[in-house]
Amino acid sequence: MRRFSLITKLILLAVMAYAIVTIVSLQPKIDAQRAENEALSDEISALEQDNAALQEDIEALGSDDSVMKIARERLNYVLDGEIIYINSCE
């Protein structure tokens, strides 16, 4: 009976040692996954802000302001009385 108790203690000690080694060896992986999770969360937040801005642009399409903005940016239209400055350094 005494041997059984000793063998049980040795097995228990081996299992505990294995568990400790496993936990210690997995800790860097856990830290890396947490850092990646935070980076992805930041990227999601930035993309959600971009989506919100694009949604506002979509909702504004067809309004007078958006038509004027597109005409100015893409077609280089100007309003009467505006002065255009051309930067020749670029």
C-alpha atoms as a PDB file:
ATOM      1  CA  MET A   1       0.000   0.000   0.000  1.00  0.00           C
ATOM      2  CA  ARG A   2       2.865   2.308   0.730  1.00  0.00           C
ATOM      3  CA  ARG A   3       4.307   1.816  -2.766  1.00  0.00           C
ATOM      4  CA  PHE A   4       0.967   2.666  -4.319  1.00  0.00           C
ATOM      5  CA  SER A   5       0.963   5.905  -2.396  1.00  0.00           C
ATOM      6  CA  LEU A   6       4.510   6.720  -3.553  1.00  0.00           C
ATOM      7  CA  ILE A   7       3.692   5.910  -7.179  1.00  0.00           C
ATOM      8  CA  THR A   8       0.564   8.034  -6.983  1.00  0.00           C
ATOM      9  CA  LYS A   9       2.570  10.944  -5.592  1.00  0.00           C
ATOM     10  CA  LEU A  10       5.196  10.608  -8.347  1.00  0.00           C
ATOM     11  CA  ILE A  11       2.527  10.530 -11.048  1.00  0.00           C
ATOM     12  CA  LEU A  12       0.817  13.529  -9.532  1.00  0.00           C
ATOM     13  CA  LEU A  13       4.137  15.388  -9.356  1.00  0.00           C
ATOM     14  CA  ALA A  14       4.877  14.547 -13.002  1.00  0.00           C
ATOM     15  CA  VAL A  15       1.450  15.773 -14.103  1.00  0.00           C
ATOM     16  CA  MET A  16       1.878  19.009 -12.158  1.00  0.00           C
ATOM     17  CA  ALA A  17       5.337  19.572 -13.635  1.00  0.00           C
ATOM     18  CA  TYR A  18       3.967  18.976 -17.136  1.00  0.00           C
ATOM     19  CA  ALA A  19       1.129  21.419 -16.507  1.00  0.00           C
ATOM     20  CA  ILE A  20       3.505  24.110 -15.241  1.00  0.00           C
ATOM     21  CA  VAL A  21       5.871  23.674 -18.196  1.00  0.00           C
ATOM     22  CA  THR A  22       2.945  23.817 -20.627  1.00  0.00           C
ATOM     23  CA  ILE A  23       1.545  26.976 -19.074  1.00  0.00           C
ATOM     24  CA  VAL A  24       4.941  28.688 -19.089  1.00  0.00           C
ATOM     25  CA  SER A  25       5.622  27.702 -22.694  1.00  0.00           C
ATOM     26  CA  LEU A  26       2.189  28.890 -23.885  1.00  0.00           C
ATOM     27  CA  GLN A  27       2.388  32.307 -22.210  1.00  0.00           C
ATOM     28  CA  PRO A  28       4.335  34.011 -25.067  1.00  0.00           C
ATOM     29  CA  LYS A  29       1.788  32.681 -27.571  1.00  0.00           C
ATOM     30  CA  ILE A  30      -1.043  34.022 -25.440  1.00  0.00           C
ATOM     31  CA  ASP A  31       0.633  37.437 -25.243  1.00  0.00           C
ATOM     32  CA  ALA A  32       1.153  37.487 -29.015  1.00  0.00           C
ATOM     33  CA  GLN A  33      -2.500  36.591 -29.609  1.00  0.00           C
ATOM     34  CA  ARG A  34      -3.621  39.357 -27.256  1.00  0.00           C
ATOM     35  CA  ALA A  35      -1.462  41.890 -29.097  1.00  0.00           C
ATOM     36  CA  GLU A  36      -2.833  40.714 -32.440  1.00  0.00           C
ATOM     37  CA  ASN A  37      -6.365  40.934 -31.045  1.00  0.00           C
ATOM     38  CA  GLU A  38      -5.799  44.541 -29.968  1.00  0.00           C
ATOM     39  CA  ALA A  39      -4.338  45.437 -33.374  1.00  0.00           C
ATOM     40  CA  LEU A  40      -7.298  43.886 -35.137  1.00  0.00           C
ATOM     41  CA  SER A  41      -9.703  45.711 -32.831  1.00  0.00           C
ATOM     42  CA  ASP A  42      -8.014  49.001 -33.707  1.00  0.00           C
ATOM     43  CA  GLU A  43      -8.230  48.141 -37.407  1.00  0.00           C
ATOM     44  CA  ILE A  44     -11.929  47.299 -37.040  1.00  0.00           C
ATOM     45  CA  SER A  45     -12.568  50.658 -35.358  1.00  0.00           C
ATOM     46  CA  ALA A  46     -10.779  52.514 -38.152  1.00  0.00           C
ATOM     47  CA  LEU A  47     -12.700  50.601 -40.819  1.00  0.00           C
ATOM     48  CA  GLU A  48     -16.000  51.274 -39.060  1.00  0.00           C
ATOM     49  CA  GLN A  49     -15.204  54.999 -39.090  1.00  0.00           C
ATOM     50  CA  ASP A  50     -14.364  54.786 -42.801  1.00  0.00           C
ATOM     51  CA  ASN A  51     -17.641  52.953 -43.418  1.00  0.00           C
ATOM     52  CA  ALA A  52     -19.574  55.619 -41.536  1.00  0.00           C
ATOM     53  CA  ALA A  53     -17.944  58.355 -43.620  1.00  0.00           C
ATOM     54  CA  LEU A  54     -18.702  56.490 -46.838  1.00  0.00           C
ATOM     55  CA  GLN A  55     -22.300  55.957 -45.717  1.00  0.00           C
ATOM     56  CA  GLU A  56     -22.647  59.703 -45.141  1.00  0.00           C
ATOM     57  CA  ASP A  57     -21.267  60.334 -48.640  1.00  0.00           C
ATOM     58  CA  ILE A  58     -23.754  57.849 -50.109  1.00  0.00           C
ATOM     59  CA  GLU A  59     -26.647  59.473 -48.274  1.00  0.00           C
ATOM     60  CA  ALA A  60     -25.531  62.925 -49.455  1.00  0.00           C
ATOM     61  CA  LEU A  61     -25.461  61.916 -53.142  1.00  0.00           C
ATOM     62  CA  GLY A  62     -27.920  63.867 -55.188  1.00  0.00           C
ATOM     63  CA  SER A  63     -27.954  66.878 -52.907  1.00  0.00           C
ATOM     64  CA  ASP A  64     -26.862  70.238 -54.291  1.00  0.00           C
ATOM     65  CA  ASP A  65     -23.781  70.305 -52.095  1.00  0.00           C
ATOM     66  CA  SER A  66     -22.578  66.898 -53.232  1.00  0.00           C
ATOM     67  CA  VAL A  67     -23.175  67.742 -56.910  1.00  0.00           C
ATOM     68  CA  MET A  68     -21.178  70.953 -56.478  1.00  0.00           C
ATOM     69  CA  LYS A  69     -18.380  69.095 -54.671  1.00  0.00           C
ATOM     70  CA  ILE A  70     -18.120  66.468 -57.427  1.00  0.00           C
ATOM     71  CA  ALA A  71     -18.175  69.160 -60.124  1.00  0.00           C
ATOM     72  CA  ARG A  72     -15.341  71.026 -58.401  1.00  0.00           C
ATOM     73  CA  GLU A  73     -13.175  67.966 -57.734  1.00  0.00           C
ATOM     74  CA  ARG A  74     -13.641  65.957 -60.912  1.00  0.00           C
ATOM     75  CA  LEU A  75     -14.584  68.516 -63.525  1.00  0.00           C
ATOM     76  CA  ASN A  76     -12.604  71.480 -62.131  1.00  0.00           C
ATOM     77  CA  TYR A  77     -15.662  73.749 -62.196  1.00  0.00           C
ATOM     78  CA  VAL A  78     -15.556  77.049 -60.335  1.00  0.00           C
ATOM     79  CA  LEU A  79     -18.186  79.492 -59.218  1.00  0.00           C
ATOM     80  CA  ASP A  80     -18.562  82.920 -60.779  1.00  0.00           C
ATOM     81  CA  GLY A  81     -16.214  85.417 -59.214  1.00  0.00           C
ATOM     82  CA  GLU A  82     -13.783  82.832 -57.775  1.00  0.00           C
ATOM     83  CA  ILE A  83     -10.091  83.357 -58.341  1.00  0.00           C
ATOM     84  CA  ILE A  84      -8.008  80.291 -59.189  1.00  0.00           C
ATOM     85  CA  TYR A  85      -4.407  80.088 -58.057  1.00  0.00           C
ATOM     86  CA  ILE A  86      -2.125  77.655 -59.819  1.00  0.00           C
ATOM     87  CA  ASN A  87       0.913  76.460 -57.903  1.00  0.00           C
ATOM     88  CA  SER A  88       3.661  75.884 -60.439  1.00  0.00           C
ATOM     89  CA  CYS A  89       6.034  74.329 -57.883  1.00  0.00           C
ATOM     90  CA  GLU A  90       4.227  71.013 -57.826  1.00  0.00           C
END
